[in-house]
Amino acid sequence: MSDNFYPHVDAEFIKQCVSESGRLANNGIVKIGSTITFIIAGNKAIYKRTILVRELIPGQICLEQGISIAIRFGFMGKLLGWLEKNRNWKDGAYSEPNIQLPNHNTTDNTLDGDIVDTK
C-alpha cells in the first residue's frame, strides 16, 4: 500500500522511460483500466517477463512502484531528476527551493544553524 507522505510518479513519464530503455517486447505496454502491464522482451516464461503496475490515482503510480520499475529498466537517474524537478523530492524528503542555509562567513544577525528565508 502506498504511503501518502511519498510523492506519486506520473505514469506517462514511467511509460516513456520504459519505452526508451529498449528492453520491451513489441507492443510491450498494455493498459487495461487502472492497470499498466510492461512485457520485457526475451524467451523466458511470460510470468517472469511481466510487470504489473496499478494507478491508485488516475495517471499516477506510487513512488515504490516507480522506483522498482526504474531500477529494473535502468533509468533511476532520470526518475530522481524528475522527482526533484516536479515534486520537490530529493534524498528521501521534500525540499524547499526558496530556503538556503546562512553564509557563516558574514557578520549578520543570524545564529549558526538558523534557516534563512530568501523571499
PDB file of N, CA and C in Angstrom:
ATOM      1  N   MET A   1       0.837  -1.183   0.000  1.00  0.00           N
ATOM      2  CA  MET A   1       0.000   0.000   0.000  1.00  0.00           C
ATOM      3  C   MET A   1       0.878   1.240   0.000  1.00  0.00           C
ATOM      4  N   SER A   2       0.491   2.225  -0.752  1.00  0.00           N
ATOM      5  CA  SER A   2       1.258   3.451  -0.878  1.00  0.00           C
ATOM      6  C   SER A   2       1.128   4.302   0.380  1.00  0.00           C
ATOM      7  N   ASP A   3       2.231   4.936   0.780  1.00  0.00           N
ATOM      8  CA  ASP A   3       2.240   5.856   1.907  1.00  0.00           C
ATOM      9  C   ASP A   3       1.895   7.245   1.368  1.00  0.00           C
ATOM     10  N   ASN A   4       0.943   7.931   1.991  1.00  0.00           N
ATOM     11  CA  ASN A   4       0.512   9.239   1.497  1.00  0.00           C
ATOM     12  C   ASN A   4       1.584  10.307   1.621  1.00  0.00           C
ATOM     13  N   PHE A   5       2.610  10.087   2.434  1.00  0.00           N
ATOM     14  CA  PHE A   5       3.688  11.061   2.573  1.00  0.00           C
ATOM     15  C   PHE A   5       4.545  11.119   1.313  1.00  0.00           C
ATOM     16  N   TYR A   6       4.742   9.986   0.663  1.00  0.00           N
ATOM     17  CA  TYR A   6       5.606   9.929  -0.510  1.00  0.00           C
ATOM     18  C   TYR A   6       4.910  10.513  -1.730  1.00  0.00           C
ATOM     19  N   PRO A   7       5.684  11.126  -2.653  1.00  0.00           N
ATOM     20  CA  PRO A   7       5.066  11.679  -3.864  1.00  0.00           C
ATOM     21  C   PRO A   7       4.663  10.571  -4.827  1.00  0.00           C
ATOM     22  N   HIS A   8       3.734  10.879  -5.698  1.00  0.00           N
ATOM     23  CA  HIS A   8       3.347   9.953  -6.754  1.00  0.00           C
ATOM     24  C   HIS A   8       4.172  10.282  -7.995  1.00  0.00           C
ATOM     25  N   VAL A   9       4.315   9.298  -8.872  1.00  0.00           N
ATOM     26  CA  VAL A   9       5.088   9.456 -10.100  1.00  0.00           C
ATOM     27  C   VAL A   9       4.118   9.424 -11.268  1.00  0.00           C
ATOM     28  N   ASP A  10       4.339  10.291 -12.238  1.00  0.00           N
ATOM     29  CA  ASP A  10       3.486  10.365 -13.410  1.00  0.00           C
ATOM     30  C   ASP A  10       3.625   9.094 -14.249  1.00  0.00           C
ATOM     31  N   ALA A  11       2.511   8.447 -14.542  1.00  0.00           N
ATOM     32  CA  ALA A  11       2.531   7.187 -15.294  1.00  0.00           C
ATOM     33  C   ALA A  11       3.057   7.389 -16.711  1.00  0.00           C
ATOM     34  N   GLU A  12       2.759   8.523 -17.321  1.00  0.00           N
ATOM     35  CA  GLU A  12       3.244   8.784 -18.685  1.00  0.00           C
ATOM     36  C   GLU A  12       4.771   8.906 -18.711  1.00  0.00           C
ATOM     37  N   PHE A  13       5.344   9.520 -17.665  1.00  0.00           N
ATOM     38  CA  PHE A  13       6.804   9.610 -17.579  1.00  0.00           C
ATOM     39  C   PHE A  13       7.413   8.218 -17.482  1.00  0.00           C
ATOM     40  N   ILE A  14       6.836   7.356 -16.648  1.00  0.00           N
ATOM     41  CA  ILE A  14       7.342   5.986 -16.495  1.00  0.00           C
ATOM     42  C   ILE A  14       7.229   5.230 -17.822  1.00  0.00           C
ATOM     43  N   LYS A  15       6.082   5.336 -18.491  1.00  0.00           N
ATOM     44  CA  LYS A  15       5.908   4.636 -19.768  1.00  0.00           C
ATOM     45  C   LYS A  15       6.914   5.118 -20.814  1.00  0.00           C
ATOM     46  N   GLN A  16       7.174   6.415 -20.843  1.00  0.00           N
ATOM     47  CA  GLN A  16       8.134   6.962 -21.798  1.00  0.00           C
ATOM     48  C   GLN A  16       9.532   6.424 -21.521  1.00  0.00           C
ATOM     49  N   CYS A  17       9.955   6.431 -20.268  1.00  0.00           N
ATOM     50  CA  CYS A  17      11.291   5.944 -19.921  1.00  0.00           C
ATOM     51  C   CYS A  17      11.441   4.446 -20.179  1.00  0.00           C
ATOM     52  N   VAL A  18      10.395   3.678 -19.898  1.00  0.00           N
ATOM     53  CA  VAL A  18      10.431   2.238 -20.151  1.00  0.00           C
ATOM     54  C   VAL A  18      10.536   1.980 -21.658  1.00  0.00           C
ATOM     55  N   SER A  19       9.788   2.736 -22.456  1.00  0.00           N
ATOM     56  CA  SER A  19       9.851   2.581 -23.914  1.00  0.00           C
ATOM     57  C   SER A  19      11.240   2.895 -24.447  1.00  0.00           C
ATOM     58  N   GLU A  20      11.870   3.943 -23.888  1.00  0.00           N
ATOM     59  CA  GLU A  20      13.196   4.355 -24.340  1.00  0.00           C
ATOM     60  C   GLU A  20      14.295   3.394 -23.890  1.00  0.00           C
ATOM     61  N   SER A  21      14.005   2.524 -22.938  1.00  0.00           N
ATOM     62  CA  SER A  21      15.030   1.615 -22.422  1.00  0.00           C
ATOM     63  C   SER A  21      15.443   0.558 -23.437  1.00  0.00           C
ATOM     64  N   GLY A  22      14.560   0.234 -24.382  1.00  0.00           N
ATOM     65  CA  GLY A  22      14.864  -0.774 -25.389  1.00  0.00           C
ATOM     66  C   GLY A  22      14.736  -2.208 -24.899  1.00  0.00           C
ATOM     67  N   ARG A  23      14.168  -2.420 -23.737  1.00  0.00           N
ATOM     68  CA  ARG A  23      14.059  -3.764 -23.163  1.00  0.00           C
ATOM     69  C   ARG A  23      12.665  -4.368 -23.300  1.00  0.00           C
ATOM     70  N   LEU A  24      11.743  -3.656 -23.921  1.00  0.00           N
ATOM     71  CA  LEU A  24      10.370  -4.151 -24.044  1.00  0.00           C
ATOM     72  C   LEU A  24      10.181  -5.017 -25.280  1.00  0.00           C
ATOM     73  N   ALA A  25       9.226  -5.928 -25.190  1.00  0.00           N
ATOM     74  CA  ALA A  25       8.786  -6.684 -26.359  1.00  0.00           C
ATOM     75  C   ALA A  25       7.996  -5.732 -27.267  1.00  0.00           C
ATOM     76  N   ASN A  26       7.764  -6.138 -28.522  1.00  0.00           N
ATOM     77  CA  ASN A  26       6.924  -5.326 -29.407  1.00  0.00           C
ATOM     78  C   ASN A  26       5.557  -5.154 -28.781  1.00  0.00           C
ATOM     79  N   ASN A  27       5.060  -3.932 -28.795  1.00  0.00           N
ATOM     80  CA  ASN A  27       3.781  -3.597 -28.149  1.00  0.00           C
ATOM     81  C   ASN A  27       3.793  -4.059 -26.689  1.00  0.00           C
ATOM     82  N   GLY A  28       4.892  -3.801 -25.994  1.00  0.00           N
ATOM     83  CA  GLY A  28       5.100  -4.312 -24.645  1.00  0.00           C
ATOM     84  C   GLY A  28       4.465  -3.530 -23.531  1.00  0.00           C
ATOM     85  N   ILE A  29       3.689  -2.487 -23.851  1.00  0.00           N
ATOM     86  CA  ILE A  29       2.955  -1.756 -22.824  1.00  0.00           C
ATOM     87  C   ILE A  29       1.464  -1.914 -23.108  1.00  0.00           C
ATOM     88  N   VAL A  30       0.761  -2.484 -22.143  1.00  0.00           N
ATOM     89  CA  VAL A  30      -0.682  -2.708 -22.289  1.00  0.00           C
ATOM     90  C   VAL A  30      -1.371  -2.071 -21.090  1.00  0.00           C
ATOM     91  N   LYS A  31      -2.417  -1.271 -21.349  1.00  0.00           N
ATOM     92  CA  LYS A  31      -3.171  -0.649 -20.258  1.00  0.00           C
ATOM     93  C   LYS A  31      -4.606  -1.141 -20.316  1.00  0.00           C
ATOM     94  N   ILE A  32      -5.066  -1.705 -19.202  1.00  0.00           N
ATOM     95  CA  ILE A  32      -6.448  -2.147 -19.084  1.00  0.00           C
ATOM     96  C   ILE A  32      -6.987  -1.556 -17.789  1.00  0.00           C
ATOM     97  N   GLY A  33      -7.936  -0.653 -17.906  1.00  0.00           N
ATOM     98  CA  GLY A  33      -8.480   0.005 -16.718  1.00  0.00           C
ATOM     99  C   GLY A  33      -7.399   0.813 -16.032  1.00  0.00           C
ATOM    100  N   SER A  34      -7.188   0.554 -14.750  1.00  0.00           N
ATOM    101  CA  SER A  34      -6.162   1.282 -13.997  1.00  0.00           C
ATOM    102  C   SER A  34      -4.861   0.484 -13.878  1.00  0.00           C
ATOM    103  N   THR A  35      -4.732  -0.603 -14.638  1.00  0.00           N
ATOM    104  CA  THR A  35      -3.547  -1.452 -14.577  1.00  0.00           C
ATOM    105  C   THR A  35      -2.711  -1.279 -15.837  1.00  0.00           C
ATOM    106  N   ILE A  36      -1.413  -1.044 -15.650  1.00  0.00           N
ATOM    107  CA  ILE A  36      -0.469  -0.950 -16.763  1.00  0.00           C
ATOM    108  C   ILE A  36       0.429  -2.180 -16.685  1.00  0.00           C
ATOM    109  N   THR A  37       0.598  -2.859 -17.818  1.00  0.00           N
ATOM    110  CA  THR A  37       1.438  -4.054 -17.880  1.00  0.00           C
ATOM    111  C   THR A  37       2.614  -3.789 -18.805  1.00  0.00           C
ATOM    112  N   PHE A  38       3.824  -4.074 -18.312  1.00  0.00           N
ATOM    113  CA  PHE A  38       5.040  -3.982 -19.108  1.00  0.00           C
ATOM    114  C   PHE A  38       5.523  -5.403 -19.367  1.00  0.00           C
ATOM    115  N   ILE A  39       5.784  -5.719 -20.643  1.00  0.00           N
ATOM    116  CA  ILE A  39       6.265  -7.051 -21.008  1.00  0.00           C
ATOM    117  C   ILE A  39       7.674  -6.916 -21.578  1.00  0.00           C
ATOM    118  N   ILE A  40       8.618  -7.539 -20.907  1.00  0.00           N
ATOM    119  CA  ILE A  40      10.029  -7.469 -21.286  1.00  0.00           C
ATOM    120  C   ILE A  40      10.288  -8.474 -22.407  1.00  0.00           C
ATOM    121  N   ALA A  41      11.119  -8.075 -23.358  1.00  0.00           N
ATOM    122  CA  ALA A  41      11.489  -8.970 -24.464  1.00  0.00           C
ATOM    123  C   ALA A  41      12.336 -10.120 -23.937  1.00  0.00           C
ATOM    124  N   GLY A  42      12.247 -11.265 -24.604  1.00  0.00           N
ATOM    125  CA  GLY A  42      13.061 -12.409 -24.214  1.00  0.00           C
ATOM    126  C   GLY A  42      12.344 -13.717 -24.419  1.00  0.00           C
ATOM    127  N   ASN A  43      13.010 -14.809 -24.044  1.00  0.00           N
ATOM    128  CA  ASN A  43      12.461 -16.147 -24.245  1.00  0.00           C
ATOM    129  C   ASN A  43      12.000 -16.807 -22.955  1.00  0.00           C
ATOM    130  N   LYS A  44      12.153 -16.155 -21.831  1.00  0.00           N
ATOM    131  CA  LYS A  44      11.702 -16.741 -20.571  1.00  0.00           C
ATOM    132  C   LYS A  44      10.185 -16.805 -20.525  1.00  0.00           C
ATOM    133  N   ALA A  45       9.681 -17.515 -19.547  1.00  0.00           N
ATOM    134  CA  ALA A  45       8.229 -17.621 -19.374  1.00  0.00           C
ATOM    135  C   ALA A  45       7.627 -16.232 -19.196  1.00  0.00           C
ATOM    136  N   ILE A  46       6.411 -16.051 -19.694  1.00  0.00           N
ATOM    137  CA  ILE A  46       5.777 -14.732 -19.699  1.00  0.00           C
ATOM    138  C   ILE A  46       5.609 -14.183 -18.282  1.00  0.00           C
ATOM    139  N   TYR A  47       5.360 -15.031 -17.292  1.00  0.00           N
ATOM    140  CA  TYR A  47       5.172 -14.522 -15.935  1.00  0.00           C
ATOM    141  C   TYR A  47       6.466 -13.963 -15.356  1.00  0.00           C
ATOM    142  N   LYS A  48       7.617 -14.388 -15.883  1.00  0.00           N
ATOM    143  CA  LYS A  48       8.898 -13.847 -15.442  1.00  0.00           C
ATOM    144  C   LYS A  48       9.235 -12.532 -16.131  1.00  0.00           C
ATOM    145  N   ARG A  49       8.556 -12.249 -17.250  1.00  0.00           N
ATOM    146  CA  ARG A  49       8.834 -11.035 -18.022  1.00  0.00           C
ATOM    147  C   ARG A  49       7.741  -9.987 -17.904  1.00  0.00           C
ATOM    148  N   THR A  50       6.776 -10.201 -17.039  1.00  0.00           N
ATOM    149  CA  THR A  50       5.636  -9.302 -16.919  1.00  0.00           C
ATOM    150  C   THR A  50       5.719  -8.492 -15.634  1.00  0.00           C
ATOM    151  N   ILE A  51       5.507  -7.178 -15.756  1.00  0.00           N
ATOM    152  CA  ILE A  51       5.474  -6.280 -14.599  1.00  0.00           C
ATOM    153  C   ILE A  51       4.126  -5.567 -14.618  1.00  0.00           C
ATOM    154  N   LEU A  52       3.380  -5.706 -13.536  1.00  0.00           N
ATOM    155  CA  LEU A  52       2.070  -5.056 -13.413  1.00  0.00           C
ATOM    156  C   LEU A  52       2.167  -3.870 -12.471  1.00  0.00           C
ATOM    157  N   VAL A  53       1.553  -2.763 -12.863  1.00  0.00           N
ATOM    158  CA  VAL A  53       1.513  -1.552 -12.046  1.00  0.00           C
ATOM    159  C   VAL A  53       0.080  -1.055 -12.034  1.00  0.00           C
ATOM    160  N   ARG A  54      -0.392  -0.662 -10.870  1.00  0.00           N
ATOM    161  CA  ARG A  54      -1.761  -0.165 -10.757  1.00  0.00           C
ATOM    162  C   ARG A  54      -1.740   1.312 -10.398  1.00  0.00           C
ATOM    163  N   GLU A  55      -2.515   2.103 -11.125  1.00  0.00           N
ATOM    164  CA  GLU A  55      -2.651   3.525 -10.833  1.00  0.00           C
ATOM    165  C   GLU A  55      -3.609   3.681  -9.655  1.00  0.00           C
ATOM    166  N   LEU A  56      -3.126   4.228  -8.545  1.00  0.00           N
ATOM    167  CA  LEU A  56      -4.004   4.470  -7.403  1.00  0.00           C
ATOM    168  C   LEU A  56      -4.772   5.771  -7.588  1.00  0.00           C
ATOM    169  N   ILE A  57      -4.139   6.718  -8.255  1.00  0.00           N
ATOM    170  CA  ILE A  57      -4.760   7.974  -8.677  1.00  0.00           C
ATOM    171  C   ILE A  57      -4.652   7.972 -10.198  1.00  0.00           C
ATOM    172  N   PRO A  58      -5.690   8.351 -10.930  1.00  0.00           N
ATOM    173  CA  PRO A  58      -5.591   8.313 -12.395  1.00  0.00           C
ATOM    174  C   PRO A  58      -4.367   9.063 -12.915  1.00  0.00           C
ATOM    175  N   GLY A  59      -3.535   8.356 -13.681  1.00  0.00           N
ATOM    176  CA  GLY A  59      -2.338   8.928 -14.263  1.00  0.00           C
ATOM    177  C   GLY A  59      -1.135   8.961 -13.334  1.00  0.00           C
ATOM    178  N   GLN A  60      -1.255   8.416 -12.117  1.00  0.00           N
ATOM    179  CA  GLN A  60      -0.172   8.454 -11.136  1.00  0.00           C
ATOM    180  C   GLN A  60       0.042   7.060 -10.546  1.00  0.00           C
ATOM    181  N   ILE A  61       1.305   6.708 -10.328  1.00  0.00           N
ATOM    182  CA  ILE A  61       1.613   5.460  -9.631  1.00  0.00           C
ATOM    183  C   ILE A  61       2.404   5.801  -8.371  1.00  0.00           C
ATOM    184  N   CYS A  62       2.436   4.890  -7.427  1.00  0.00           N
ATOM    185  CA  CYS A  62       3.113   5.173  -6.160  1.00  0.00           C
ATOM    186  C   CYS A  62       4.627   5.182  -6.355  1.00  0.00           C
ATOM    187  N   LEU A  63       5.314   5.876  -5.470  1.00  0.00           N
ATOM    188  CA  LEU A  63       6.762   6.031  -5.557  1.00  0.00           C
ATOM    189  C   LEU A  63       7.487   4.688  -5.538  1.00  0.00           C
ATOM    190  N   GLU A  64       7.035   3.780  -4.680  1.00  0.00           N
ATOM    191  CA  GLU A  64       7.714   2.492  -4.552  1.00  0.00           C
ATOM    192  C   GLU A  64       7.701   1.716  -5.859  1.00  0.00           C
ATOM    193  N   GLN A  65       6.548   1.695  -6.548  1.00  0.00           N
ATOM    194  CA  GLN A  65       6.480   1.001  -7.832  1.00  0.00           C
ATOM    195  C   GLN A  65       7.303   1.716  -8.889  1.00  0.00           C
ATOM    196  N   GLY A  66       7.294   3.049  -8.874  1.00  0.00           N
ATOM    197  CA  GLY A  66       8.097   3.809  -9.822  1.00  0.00           C
ATOM    198  C   GLY A  66       9.583   3.523  -9.669  1.00  0.00           C
ATOM    199  N   ILE A  67      10.042   3.448  -8.415  1.00  0.00           N
ATOM    200  CA  ILE A  67      11.451   3.151  -8.160  1.00  0.00           C
ATOM    201  C   ILE A  67      11.808   1.739  -8.606  1.00  0.00           C
ATOM    202  N   SER A  68      10.938   0.778  -8.328  1.00  0.00           N
ATOM    203  CA  SER A  68      11.245  -0.603  -8.727  1.00  0.00           C
ATOM    204  C   SER A  68      11.317  -0.741 -10.248  1.00  0.00           C
ATOM    205  N   ILE A  69      10.452  -0.047 -10.961  1.00  0.00           N
ATOM    206  CA  ILE A  69      10.497  -0.086 -12.427  1.00  0.00           C
ATOM    207  C   ILE A  69      11.756   0.617 -12.935  1.00  0.00           C
ATOM    208  N   ALA A  70      12.111   1.742 -12.319  1.00  0.00           N
ATOM    209  CA  ALA A  70      13.312   2.473 -12.732  1.00  0.00           C
ATOM    210  C   ALA A  70      14.566   1.629 -12.530  1.00  0.00           C
ATOM    211  N   ILE A  71      14.626   0.885 -11.439  1.00  0.00           N
ATOM    212  CA  ILE A  71      15.774   0.008 -11.206  1.00  0.00           C
ATOM    213  C   ILE A  71      15.806  -1.111 -12.240  1.00  0.00           C
ATOM    214  N   ARG A  72      14.668  -1.711 -12.483  1.00  0.00           N
ATOM    215  CA  ARG A  72      14.585  -2.841 -13.419  1.00  0.00           C
ATOM    216  C   ARG A  72      14.941  -2.447 -14.858  1.00  0.00           C
ATOM    217  N   PHE A  73      14.534  -1.219 -15.260  1.00  0.00           N
ATOM    218  CA  PHE A  73      14.766  -0.789 -16.639  1.00  0.00           C
ATOM    219  C   PHE A  73      15.943   0.172 -16.781  1.00  0.00           C
ATOM    220  N   GLY A  74      16.606   0.527 -15.682  1.00  0.00           N
ATOM    221  CA  GLY A  74      17.843   1.294 -15.742  1.00  0.00           C
ATOM    222  C   GLY A  74      17.698   2.780 -15.989  1.00  0.00           C
ATOM    223  N   PHE A  75      16.679   3.425 -15.415  1.00  0.00           N
ATOM    224  CA  PHE A  75      16.573   4.876 -15.557  1.00  0.00           C
ATOM    225  C   PHE A  75      16.375   5.575 -14.207  1.00  0.00           C
ATOM    226  N   MET A  76      17.054   5.065 -13.184  1.00  0.00           N
ATOM    227  CA  MET A  76      16.922   5.632 -11.840  1.00  0.00           C
ATOM    228  C   MET A  76      17.351   7.098 -11.796  1.00  0.00           C
ATOM    229  N   GLY A  77      18.414   7.459 -12.493  1.00  0.00           N
ATOM    230  CA  GLY A  77      18.869   8.853 -12.520  1.00  0.00           C
ATOM    231  C   GLY A  77      17.814   9.791 -13.081  1.00  0.00           C
ATOM    232  N   LYS A  78      17.161   9.365 -14.167  1.00  0.00           N
ATOM    233  CA  LYS A  78      16.093  10.175 -14.751  1.00  0.00           C
ATOM    234  C   LYS A  78      14.937  10.343 -13.769  1.00  0.00           C
ATOM    235  N   LEU A  79      14.583   9.259 -13.076  1.00  0.00           N
ATOM    236  CA  LEU A  79      13.475   9.320 -12.124  1.00  0.00           C
ATOM    237  C   LEU A  79      13.804  10.267 -10.978  1.00  0.00           C
ATOM    238  N   LEU A  80      15.019  10.191 -10.439  1.00  0.00           N
ATOM    239  CA  LEU A  80      15.395  11.081  -9.334  1.00  0.00           C
ATOM    240  C   LEU A  80      15.397  12.537  -9.788  1.00  0.00           C
ATOM    241  N   GLY A  81      15.860  12.797 -11.002  1.00  0.00           N
ATOM    242  CA  GLY A  81      15.809  14.154 -11.549  1.00  0.00           C
ATOM    243  C   GLY A  81      14.388  14.639 -11.727  1.00  0.00           C
ATOM    244  N   TRP A  82      13.519  13.759 -12.215  1.00  0.00           N
ATOM    245  CA  TRP A  82      12.115  14.121 -12.401  1.00  0.00           C
ATOM    246  C   TRP A  82      11.454  14.421 -11.055  1.00  0.00           C
ATOM    247  N   LEU A  83      11.731  13.611 -10.050  1.00  0.00           N
ATOM    248  CA  LEU A  83      11.148  13.833  -8.723  1.00  0.00           C
ATOM    249  C   LEU A  83      11.606  15.161  -8.138  1.00  0.00           C
ATOM    250  N   GLU A  84      12.873  15.495  -8.316  1.00  0.00           N
ATOM    251  CA  GLU A  84      13.376  16.760  -7.784  1.00  0.00           C
ATOM    252  C   GLU A  84      12.748  17.949  -8.506  1.00  0.00           C
ATOM    253  N   LYS A  85      12.619  17.846  -9.824  1.00  0.00           N
ATOM    254  CA  LYS A  85      12.082  18.958 -10.611  1.00  0.00           C
ATOM    255  C   LYS A  85      10.572  19.116 -10.446  1.00  0.00           C
ATOM    256  N   ASN A  86       9.837  18.013 -10.464  1.00  0.00           N
ATOM    257  CA  ASN A  86       8.374  18.088 -10.500  1.00  0.00           C
ATOM    258  C   ASN A  86       7.691  17.914  -9.153  1.00  0.00           C
ATOM    259  N   ARG A  87       8.352  17.310  -8.180  1.00  0.00           N
ATOM    260  CA  ARG A  87       7.708  17.055  -6.888  1.00  0.00           C
ATOM    261  C   ARG A  87       8.477  17.640  -5.698  1.00  0.00           C
ATOM    262  N   ASN A  88       9.576  18.372  -5.962  1.00  0.00           N
ATOM    263  CA  ASN A  88      10.433  18.907  -4.892  1.00  0.00           C
ATOM    264  C   ASN A  88      10.852  17.816  -3.921  1.00  0.00           C
ATOM    265  N   TRP A  89      11.215  16.656  -4.438  1.00  0.00           N
ATOM    266  CA  TRP A  89      11.589  15.489  -3.635  1.00  0.00           C
ATOM    267  C   TRP A  89      13.041  15.146  -3.921  1.00  0.00           C
ATOM    268  N   LYS A  90      13.884  15.179  -2.890  1.00  0.00           N
ATOM    269  CA  LYS A  90      15.299  14.863  -3.084  1.00  0.00           C
ATOM    270  C   LYS A  90      15.818  14.175  -1.834  1.00  0.00           C
ATOM    271  N   ASP A  91      16.589  13.133  -2.038  1.00  0.00           N
ATOM    272  CA  ASP A  91      17.232  12.405  -0.939  1.00  0.00           C
ATOM    273  C   ASP A  91      16.231  11.930   0.111  1.00  0.00           C
ATOM    274  N   GLY A  92      15.055  11.506  -0.312  1.00  0.00           N
ATOM    275  CA  GLY A  92      14.091  10.914   0.606  1.00  0.00           C
ATOM    276  C   GLY A  92      13.245  11.895   1.377  1.00  0.00           C
ATOM    277  N   ALA A  93      13.236  13.162   0.999  1.00  0.00           N
ATOM    278  CA  ALA A  93      12.417  14.150   1.701  1.00  0.00           C
ATOM    279  C   ALA A  93      12.040  15.270   0.739  1.00  0.00           C
ATOM    280  N   TYR A  94      10.996  15.990   1.090  1.00  0.00           N
ATOM    281  CA  TYR A  94      10.604  17.142   0.288  1.00  0.00           C
ATOM    282  C   TYR A  94      11.613  18.256   0.514  1.00  0.00           C
ATOM    283  N   SER A  95      11.966  18.961  -0.544  1.00  0.00           N
ATOM    284  CA  SER A  95      12.890  20.083  -0.429  1.00  0.00           C
ATOM    285  C   SER A  95      12.130  21.377  -0.682  1.00  0.00           C
ATOM    286  N   GLU A  96      12.633  22.459  -0.115  1.00  0.00           N
ATOM    287  CA  GLU A  96      12.027  23.764  -0.303  1.00  0.00           C
ATOM    288  C   GLU A  96      13.025  24.629  -1.053  1.00  0.00           C
ATOM    289  N   PRO A  97      12.743  24.960  -2.320  1.00  0.00           N
ATOM    290  CA  PRO A  97      13.745  25.644  -3.132  1.00  0.00           C
ATOM    291  C   PRO A  97      14.043  27.073  -2.695  1.00  0.00           C
ATOM    292  N   ASN A  98      13.170  27.734  -1.923  1.00  0.00           N
ATOM    293  CA  ASN A  98      13.392  29.127  -1.542  1.00  0.00           C
ATOM    294  C   ASN A  98      14.071  29.290  -0.197  1.00  0.00           C
ATOM    295  N   ILE A  99      14.574  28.214   0.391  1.00  0.00           N
ATOM    296  CA  ILE A  99      15.252  28.302   1.675  1.00  0.00           C
ATOM    297  C   ILE A  99      16.702  27.872   1.494  1.00  0.00           C
ATOM    298  N   GLN A 100      17.620  28.650   2.052  1.00  0.00           N
ATOM    299  CA  GLN A 100      19.035  28.295   1.983  1.00  0.00           C
ATOM    300  C   GLN A 100      19.653  28.432   3.366  1.00  0.00           C
ATOM    301  N   LEU A 101      20.737  27.724   3.582  1.00  0.00           N
ATOM    302  CA  LEU A 101      21.449  27.838   4.844  1.00  0.00           C
ATOM    303  C   LEU A 101      22.221  29.149   4.861  1.00  0.00           C
ATOM    304  N   PRO A 102      22.420  29.738   6.035  1.00  0.00           N
ATOM    305  CA  PRO A 102      23.115  31.030   6.104  1.00  0.00           C
ATOM    306  C   PRO A 102      24.590  30.894   5.746  1.00  0.00           C
ATOM    307  N   ASN A 103      25.151  31.995   5.294  1.00  0.00           N
ATOM    308  CA  ASN A 103      26.575  32.046   4.997  1.00  0.00           C
ATOM    309  C   ASN A 103      27.291  32.332   6.306  1.00  0.00           C
ATOM    310  N   HIS A 104      28.090  31.410   6.802  1.00  0.00           N
ATOM    311  CA  HIS A 104      28.734  31.557   8.103  1.00  0.00           C
ATOM    312  C   HIS A 104      29.956  32.470   8.051  1.00  0.00           C
ATOM    313  N   ASN A 105      30.330  32.958   6.875  1.00  0.00           N
ATOM    314  CA  ASN A 105      31.486  33.845   6.757  1.00  0.00           C
ATOM    315  C   ASN A 105      31.112  35.316   6.902  1.00  0.00           C
ATOM    316  N   THR A 106      29.837  35.611   7.066  1.00  0.00           N
ATOM    317  CA  THR A 106      29.415  37.001   7.194  1.00  0.00           C
ATOM    318  C   THR A 106      29.149  37.327   8.653  1.00  0.00           C
ATOM    319  N   THR A 107      28.944  38.588   8.942  1.00  0.00           N
ATOM    320  CA  THR A 107      28.661  39.019  10.314  1.00  0.00           C
ATOM    321  C   THR A 107      27.216  39.478  10.428  1.00  0.00           C
ATOM    322  N   ASP A 108      26.293  38.689   9.907  1.00  0.00           N
ATOM    323  CA  ASP A 108      24.878  39.047  10.023  1.00  0.00           C
ATOM    324  C   ASP A 108      24.355  38.650  11.406  1.00  0.00           C
ATOM    325  N   ASN A 109      23.087  38.902  11.660  1.00  0.00           N
ATOM    326  CA  ASN A 109      22.499  38.673  12.974  1.00  0.00           C
ATOM    327  C   ASN A 109      21.922  37.277  13.159  1.00  0.00           C
ATOM    328  N   THR A 110      22.146  36.356  12.216  1.00  0.00           N
ATOM    329  CA  THR A 110      21.603  35.010  12.369  1.00  0.00           C
ATOM    330  C   THR A 110      22.564  34.151  13.161  1.00  0.00           C
ATOM    331  N   LEU A 111      22.011  33.209  13.876  1.00  0.00           N
ATOM    332  CA  LEU A 111      22.824  32.255  14.629  1.00  0.00           C
ATOM    333  C   LEU A 111      23.206  31.090  13.732  1.00  0.00           C
ATOM    334  N   ASP A 112      24.290  30.416  14.051  1.00  0.00           N
ATOM    335  CA  ASP A 112      24.677  29.229  13.285  1.00  0.00           C
ATOM    336  C   ASP A 112      23.552  28.218  13.321  1.00  0.00           C
ATOM    337  N   GLY A 113      23.199  27.692  12.157  1.00  0.00           N
ATOM    338  CA  GLY A 113      22.153  26.686  12.079  1.00  0.00           C
ATOM    339  C   GLY A 113      20.784  27.266  11.806  1.00  0.00           C
ATOM    340  N   ASP A 114      20.602  28.603  11.874  1.00  0.00           N
ATOM    341  CA  ASP A 114      19.318  29.193  11.551  1.00  0.00           C
ATOM    342  C   ASP A 114      19.049  29.028  10.063  1.00  0.00           C
ATOM    343  N   ILE A 115      17.803  28.866   9.713  1.00  0.00           N
ATOM    344  CA  ILE A 115      17.412  28.791   8.311  1.00  0.00           C
ATOM    345  C   ILE A 115      16.944  30.172   7.905  1.00  0.00           C
ATOM    346  N   VAL A 116      17.470  30.670   6.798  1.00  0.00           N
ATOM    347  CA  VAL A 116      17.153  32.000   6.330  1.00  0.00           C
ATOM    348  C   VAL A 116      16.232  31.886   5.127  1.00  0.00           C
ATOM    349  N   ASP A 117      15.085  32.546   5.167  1.00  0.00           N
ATOM    350  CA  ASP A 117      14.143  32.558   4.062  1.00  0.00           C
ATOM    351  C   ASP A 117      14.614  33.611   3.071  1.00  0.00           C
ATOM    352  N   THR A 118      14.801  33.247   1.810  1.00  0.00           N
ATOM    353  CA  THR A 118      15.338  34.158   0.799  1.00  0.00           C
ATOM    354  C   THR A 118      14.259  34.927   0.064  1.00  0.00           C
ATOM    355  N   LYS A 119      13.025  34.831   0.488  1.00  0.00           N
ATOM    356  CA  LYS A 119      11.932  35.541  -0.199  1.00  0.00           C
ATOM    357  C   LYS A 119      12.031  37.041   0.049  1.00  0.00           C
TER     358      LYS A 119
END
